Amino acid sequence: MKFFKGQDNARVYCKEVTRHDKTFVVIAVEVLEKKKQRRLTQKEINIIHRVASYEYTEIE
């Protein structure tokens, strides 16, 4: 997710999950304060892989 267009270019890396009842959930996991390049750097790629590998427990 990208916020504040034209400013610091902060990013929130998330994971999307669809529950059994077809409810779509977005889990915000990690924040990157500034993204300086147009392409993904190794730092961003590592964050994406880390977020994707997390296991989540549903709490209702």
PDB file of N, CA and C in Angstrom:
ATOM      1  N   MET A   1       0.845  -1.166   0.000  1.00  0.00           N
ATOM      2  CA  MET A   1       0.000   0.000   0.000  1.00  0.00           C
ATOM      3  C   MET A   1       0.895   1.235   0.000  1.00  0.00           C
ATOM      4  N   LYS A   2       0.530   2.194  -0.786  1.00  0.00           N
ATOM      5  CA  LYS A   2       1.299   3.432  -0.880  1.00  0.00           C
ATOM      6  C   LYS A   2       0.437   4.575  -0.333  1.00  0.00           C
ATOM      7  N   PHE A   3       1.023   5.382   0.533  1.00  0.00           N
ATOM      8  CA  PHE A   3       0.314   6.510   1.131  1.00  0.00           C
ATOM      9  C   PHE A   3       1.011   7.819   0.766  1.00  0.00           C
ATOM     10  N   PHE A   4       0.325   8.902   0.925  1.00  0.00           N
ATOM     11  CA  PHE A   4       0.883  10.248   0.805  1.00  0.00           C
ATOM     12  C   PHE A   4       1.591  10.477  -0.525  1.00  0.00           C
ATOM     13  N   LYS A   5       0.872  10.373  -1.602  1.00  0.00           N
ATOM     14  CA  LYS A   5       1.441  10.574  -2.929  1.00  0.00           C
ATOM     15  C   LYS A   5       2.159  11.915  -3.009  1.00  0.00           C
ATOM     16  N   GLY A   6       3.402  11.885  -3.477  1.00  0.00           N
ATOM     17  CA  GLY A   6       4.193  13.095  -3.635  1.00  0.00           C
ATOM     18  C   GLY A   6       4.960  13.503  -2.395  1.00  0.00           C
ATOM     19  N   GLN A   7       4.877  12.715  -1.314  1.00  0.00           N
ATOM     20  CA  GLN A   7       5.586  13.063  -0.092  1.00  0.00           C
ATOM     21  C   GLN A   7       6.686  12.044   0.173  1.00  0.00           C
ATOM     22  N   ASP A   8       6.774  11.514   1.405  1.00  0.00           N
ATOM     23  CA  ASP A   8       7.867  10.629   1.793  1.00  0.00           C
ATOM     24  C   ASP A   8       7.835   9.262   1.142  1.00  0.00           C
ATOM     25  N   ASN A   9       6.749   8.909   0.483  1.00  0.00           N
ATOM     26  CA  ASN A   9       6.636   7.644  -0.228  1.00  0.00           C
ATOM     27  C   ASN A   9       6.714   6.451   0.733  1.00  0.00           C
ATOM     28  N   ALA A  10       6.054   6.549   1.883  1.00  0.00           N
ATOM     29  CA  ALA A  10       6.017   5.451   2.848  1.00  0.00           C
ATOM     30  C   ALA A  10       5.219   4.287   2.281  1.00  0.00           C
ATOM     31  N   ARG A  11       5.596   3.067   2.662  1.00  0.00           N
ATOM     32  CA  ARG A  11       4.904   1.869   2.205  1.00  0.00           C
ATOM     33  C   ARG A  11       4.549   0.996   3.399  1.00  0.00           C
ATOM     34  N   VAL A  12       3.407   0.334   3.327  1.00  0.00           N
ATOM     35  CA  VAL A  12       3.015  -0.666   4.301  1.00  0.00           C
ATOM     36  C   VAL A  12       2.899  -1.973   3.537  1.00  0.00           C
ATOM     37  N   TYR A  13       3.709  -2.943   3.916  1.00  0.00           N
ATOM     38  CA  TYR A  13       3.670  -4.244   3.266  1.00  0.00           C
ATOM     39  C   TYR A  13       2.665  -5.109   3.999  1.00  0.00           C
ATOM     40  N   CYS A  14       1.739  -5.713   3.249  1.00  0.00           N
ATOM     41  CA  CYS A  14       0.597  -6.425   3.804  1.00  0.00           C
ATOM     42  C   CYS A  14       0.499  -7.829   3.232  1.00  0.00           C
ATOM     43  N   LYS A  15      -0.343  -8.622   3.879  1.00  0.00           N
ATOM     44  CA  LYS A  15      -0.680  -9.937   3.364  1.00  0.00           C
ATOM     45  C   LYS A  15      -2.191 -10.003   3.254  1.00  0.00           C
ATOM     46  N   GLU A  16      -2.682 -10.509   2.137  1.00  0.00           N
ATOM     47  CA  GLU A  16      -4.118 -10.654   1.911  1.00  0.00           C
ATOM     48  C   GLU A  16      -4.516 -12.089   2.230  1.00  0.00           C
ATOM     49  N   VAL A  17      -5.626 -12.233   2.971  1.00  0.00           N
ATOM     50  CA  VAL A  17      -6.108 -13.556   3.359  1.00  0.00           C
ATOM     51  C   VAL A  17      -7.613 -13.602   3.100  1.00  0.00           C
ATOM     52  N   THR A  18      -8.092 -14.714   2.547  1.00  0.00           N
ATOM     53  CA  THR A  18      -9.522 -14.930   2.388  1.00  0.00           C
ATOM     54  C   THR A  18      -9.941 -15.996   3.395  1.00  0.00           C
ATOM     55  N   ARG A  19     -10.887 -15.645   4.264  1.00  0.00           N
ATOM     56  CA  ARG A  19     -11.349 -16.562   5.304  1.00  0.00           C
ATOM     57  C   ARG A  19     -12.322 -17.576   4.722  1.00  0.00           C
ATOM     58  N   HIS A  20     -12.704 -18.553   5.538  1.00  0.00           N
ATOM     59  CA  HIS A  20     -13.605 -19.625   5.099  1.00  0.00           C
ATOM     60  C   HIS A  20     -14.961 -19.097   4.645  1.00  0.00           C
ATOM     61  N   ASP A  21     -15.418 -18.013   5.264  1.00  0.00           N
ATOM     62  CA  ASP A  21     -16.728 -17.454   4.904  1.00  0.00           C
ATOM     63  C   ASP A  21     -16.617 -16.424   3.772  1.00  0.00           C
ATOM     64  N   LYS A  22     -15.520 -16.470   3.031  1.00  0.00           N
ATOM     65  CA  LYS A  22     -15.259 -15.592   1.867  1.00  0.00           C
ATOM     66  C   LYS A  22     -14.974 -14.148   2.251  1.00  0.00           C
ATOM     67  N   THR A  23     -14.727 -13.874   3.539  1.00  0.00           N
ATOM     68  CA  THR A  23     -14.357 -12.534   3.984  1.00  0.00           C
ATOM     69  C   THR A  23     -12.909 -12.278   3.601  1.00  0.00           C
ATOM     70  N   PHE A  24     -12.660 -11.152   3.001  1.00  0.00           N
ATOM     71  CA  PHE A  24     -11.327 -10.759   2.563  1.00  0.00           C
ATOM     72  C   PHE A  24     -10.677  -9.913   3.654  1.00  0.00           C
ATOM     73  N   VAL A  25      -9.484 -10.308   4.116  1.00  0.00           N
ATOM     74  CA  VAL A  25      -8.800  -9.623   5.207  1.00  0.00           C
ATOM     75  C   VAL A  25      -7.428  -9.180   4.736  1.00  0.00           C
ATOM     76  N   VAL A  26      -7.066  -7.941   5.065  1.00  0.00           N
ATOM     77  CA  VAL A  26      -5.727  -7.425   4.780  1.00  0.00           C
ATOM     78  C   VAL A  26      -5.015  -7.244   6.116  1.00  0.00           C
ATOM     79  N   ILE A  27      -3.870  -7.907   6.257  1.00  0.00           N
ATOM     80  CA  ILE A  27      -3.106  -7.846   7.492  1.00  0.00           C
ATOM     81  C   ILE A  27      -1.895  -6.951   7.255  1.00  0.00           C
ATOM     82  N   ALA A  28      -1.858  -5.797   7.934  1.00  0.00           N
ATOM     83  CA  ALA A  28      -0.720  -4.888   7.816  1.00  0.00           C
ATOM     84  C   ALA A  28       0.411  -5.430   8.672  1.00  0.00           C
ATOM     85  N   VAL A  29       1.580  -5.576   8.084  1.00  0.00           N
ATOM     86  CA  VAL A  29       2.651  -6.272   8.767  1.00  0.00           C
ATOM     87  C   VAL A  29       3.878  -5.412   9.006  1.00  0.00           C
ATOM     88  N   GLU A  30       4.375  -4.737   7.995  1.00  0.00           N
ATOM     89  CA  GLU A  30       5.649  -4.043   8.133  1.00  0.00           C
ATOM     90  C   GLU A  30       5.610  -2.708   7.382  1.00  0.00           C
ATOM     91  N   VAL A  31       6.238  -1.695   7.980  1.00  0.00           N
ATOM     92  CA  VAL A  31       6.250  -0.355   7.399  1.00  0.00           C
ATOM     93  C   VAL A  31       7.658  -0.021   6.912  1.00  0.00           C
ATOM     94  N   LEU A  32       7.737   0.544   5.721  1.00  0.00           N
ATOM     95  CA  LEU A  32       8.988   1.070   5.186  1.00  0.00           C
ATOM     96  C   LEU A  32       8.764   2.572   5.051  1.00  0.00           C
ATOM     97  N   GLU A  33       9.528   3.367   5.793  1.00  0.00           N
ATOM     98  CA  GLU A  33       9.272   4.808   5.858  1.00  0.00           C
ATOM     99  C   GLU A  33       9.484   5.523   4.529  1.00  0.00           C
ATOM    100  N   LYS A  34      10.519   5.137   3.797  1.00  0.00           N
ATOM    101  CA  LYS A  34      10.789   5.793   2.515  1.00  0.00           C
ATOM    102  C   LYS A  34      11.213   4.766   1.483  1.00  0.00           C
ATOM    103  N   LYS A  35      10.634   4.879   0.309  1.00  0.00           N
ATOM    104  CA  LYS A  35      11.054   4.064  -0.820  1.00  0.00           C
ATOM    105  C   LYS A  35      11.622   5.051  -1.821  1.00  0.00           C
ATOM    106  N   LYS A  36      12.897   4.897  -2.145  1.00  0.00           N
ATOM    107  CA  LYS A  36      13.583   5.916  -2.929  1.00  0.00           C
ATOM    108  C   LYS A  36      13.676   5.607  -4.411  1.00  0.00           C
ATOM    109  N   GLN A  37      13.574   4.333  -4.791  1.00  0.00           N
ATOM    110  CA  GLN A  37      13.752   3.968  -6.196  1.00  0.00           C
ATOM    111  C   GLN A  37      12.458   3.444  -6.784  1.00  0.00           C
ATOM    112  N   ARG A  38      12.341   3.549  -8.073  1.00  0.00           N
ATOM    113  CA  ARG A  38      11.162   3.069  -8.766  1.00  0.00           C
ATOM    114  C   ARG A  38      11.082   1.540  -8.723  1.00  0.00           C
ATOM    115  N   ARG A  39      12.209   0.884  -8.927  1.00  0.00           N
ATOM    116  CA  ARG A  39      12.256  -0.578  -8.898  1.00  0.00           C
ATOM    117  C   ARG A  39      12.434  -1.071  -7.470  1.00  0.00           C
ATOM    118  N   LEU A  40      12.107  -2.351  -7.257  1.00  0.00           N
ATOM    119  CA  LEU A  40      12.301  -2.950  -5.936  1.00  0.00           C
ATOM    120  C   LEU A  40      13.778  -3.218  -5.697  1.00  0.00           C
ATOM    121  N   THR A  41      14.256  -2.813  -4.528  1.00  0.00           N
ATOM    122  CA  THR A  41      15.619  -3.123  -4.131  1.00  0.00           C
ATOM    123  C   THR A  41      15.609  -4.453  -3.382  1.00  0.00           C
ATOM    124  N   GLN A  42      16.775  -4.968  -3.067  1.00  0.00           N
ATOM    125  CA  GLN A  42      16.854  -6.221  -2.324  1.00  0.00           C
ATOM    126  C   GLN A  42      16.200  -6.078  -0.948  1.00  0.00           C
ATOM    127  N   LYS A  43      16.267  -4.896  -0.360  1.00  0.00           N
ATOM    128  CA  LYS A  43      15.643  -4.651   0.943  1.00  0.00           C
ATOM    129  C   LYS A  43      14.128  -4.859   0.864  1.00  0.00           C
ATOM    130  N   GLU A  44      13.490  -4.294  -0.156  1.00  0.00           N
ATOM    131  CA  GLU A  44      12.042  -4.459  -0.314  1.00  0.00           C
ATOM    132  C   GLU A  44      11.676  -5.904  -0.640  1.00  0.00           C
ATOM    133  N   ILE A  45      12.470  -6.554  -1.462  1.00  0.00           N
ATOM    134  CA  ILE A  45      12.215  -7.955  -1.805  1.00  0.00           C
ATOM    135  C   ILE A  45      12.282  -8.821  -0.551  1.00  0.00           C
ATOM    136  N   ASN A  46      13.260  -8.563   0.329  1.00  0.00           N
ATOM    137  CA  ASN A  46      13.375  -9.318   1.573  1.00  0.00           C
ATOM    138  C   ASN A  46      12.157  -9.100   2.466  1.00  0.00           C
ATOM    139  N   ILE A  47      11.665  -7.865   2.534  1.00  0.00           N
ATOM    140  CA  ILE A  47      10.468  -7.571   3.328  1.00  0.00           C
ATOM    141  C   ILE A  47       9.270  -8.339   2.775  1.00  0.00           C
ATOM    142  N   ILE A  48       9.091  -8.343   1.475  1.00  0.00           N
ATOM    143  CA  ILE A  48       7.967  -9.041   0.841  1.00  0.00           C
ATOM    144  C   ILE A  48       8.026 -10.536   1.144  1.00  0.00           C
ATOM    145  N   HIS A  49       9.195 -11.139   1.025  1.00  0.00           N
ATOM    146  CA  HIS A  49       9.332 -12.568   1.315  1.00  0.00           C
ATOM    147  C   HIS A  49       9.093 -12.865   2.793  1.00  0.00           C
ATOM    148  N   ARG A  50       9.556 -11.991   3.664  1.00  0.00           N
ATOM    149  CA  ARG A  50       9.360 -12.166   5.102  1.00  0.00           C
ATOM    150  C   ARG A  50       7.879 -12.091   5.461  1.00  0.00           C
ATOM    151  N   VAL A  51       7.176 -11.098   4.912  1.00  0.00           N
ATOM    152  CA  VAL A  51       5.744 -10.938   5.181  1.00  0.00           C
ATOM    153  C   VAL A  51       4.969 -12.147   4.651  1.00  0.00           C
ATOM    154  N   ALA A  52       5.332 -12.636   3.488  1.00  0.00           N
ATOM    155  CA  ALA A  52       4.643 -13.779   2.892  1.00  0.00           C
ATOM    156  C   ALA A  52       4.858 -15.057   3.693  1.00  0.00           C
ATOM    157  N   SER A  53       5.969 -15.161   4.397  1.00  0.00           N
ATOM    158  CA  SER A  53       6.276 -16.397   5.119  1.00  0.00           C
ATOM    159  C   SER A  53       5.657 -16.452   6.517  1.00  0.00           C
ATOM    160  N   TYR A  54       5.140 -15.350   7.042  1.00  0.00           N
ATOM    161  CA  TYR A  54       4.543 -15.343   8.374  1.00  0.00           C
ATOM    162  C   TYR A  54       3.287 -16.216   8.413  1.00  0.00           C
ATOM    163  N   GLU A  55       3.057 -16.861   9.549  1.00  0.00           N
ATOM    164  CA  GLU A  55       1.837 -17.616   9.787  1.00  0.00           C
ATOM    165  C   GLU A  55       0.945 -16.782  10.694  1.00  0.00           C
ATOM    166  N   TYR A  56      -0.352 -16.749  10.415  1.00  0.00           N
ATOM    167  CA  TYR A  56      -1.297 -15.929  11.174  1.00  0.00           C
ATOM    168  C   TYR A  56      -2.350 -16.795  11.821  1.00  0.00           C
ATOM    169  N   THR A  57      -2.785 -16.391  13.002  1.00  0.00           N
ATOM    170  CA  THR A  57      -3.865 -17.067  13.712  1.00  0.00           C
ATOM    171  C   THR A  57      -5.053 -16.129  13.768  1.00  0.00           C
ATOM    172  N   GLU A  58      -6.222 -16.633  13.375  1.00  0.00           N
ATOM    173  CA  GLU A  58      -7.422 -15.812  13.406  1.00  0.00           C
ATOM    174  C   GLU A  58      -7.971 -15.701  14.821  1.00  0.00           C
ATOM    175  N   ILE A  59      -8.311 -14.495  15.220  1.00  0.00           N
ATOM    176  CA  ILE A  59      -8.948 -14.239  16.506  1.00  0.00           C
ATOM    177  C   ILE A  59     -10.261 -13.536  16.222  1.00  0.00           C
ATOM    178  N   GLU A  60     -11.329 -14.100  16.714  1.00  0.00           N
ATOM    179  CA  GLU A  60     -12.640 -13.503  16.422  1.00  0.00           C
ATOM    180  C   GLU A  60     -13.197 -12.793  17.623  1.00  0.00           C
TER     181      GLU A  60
END
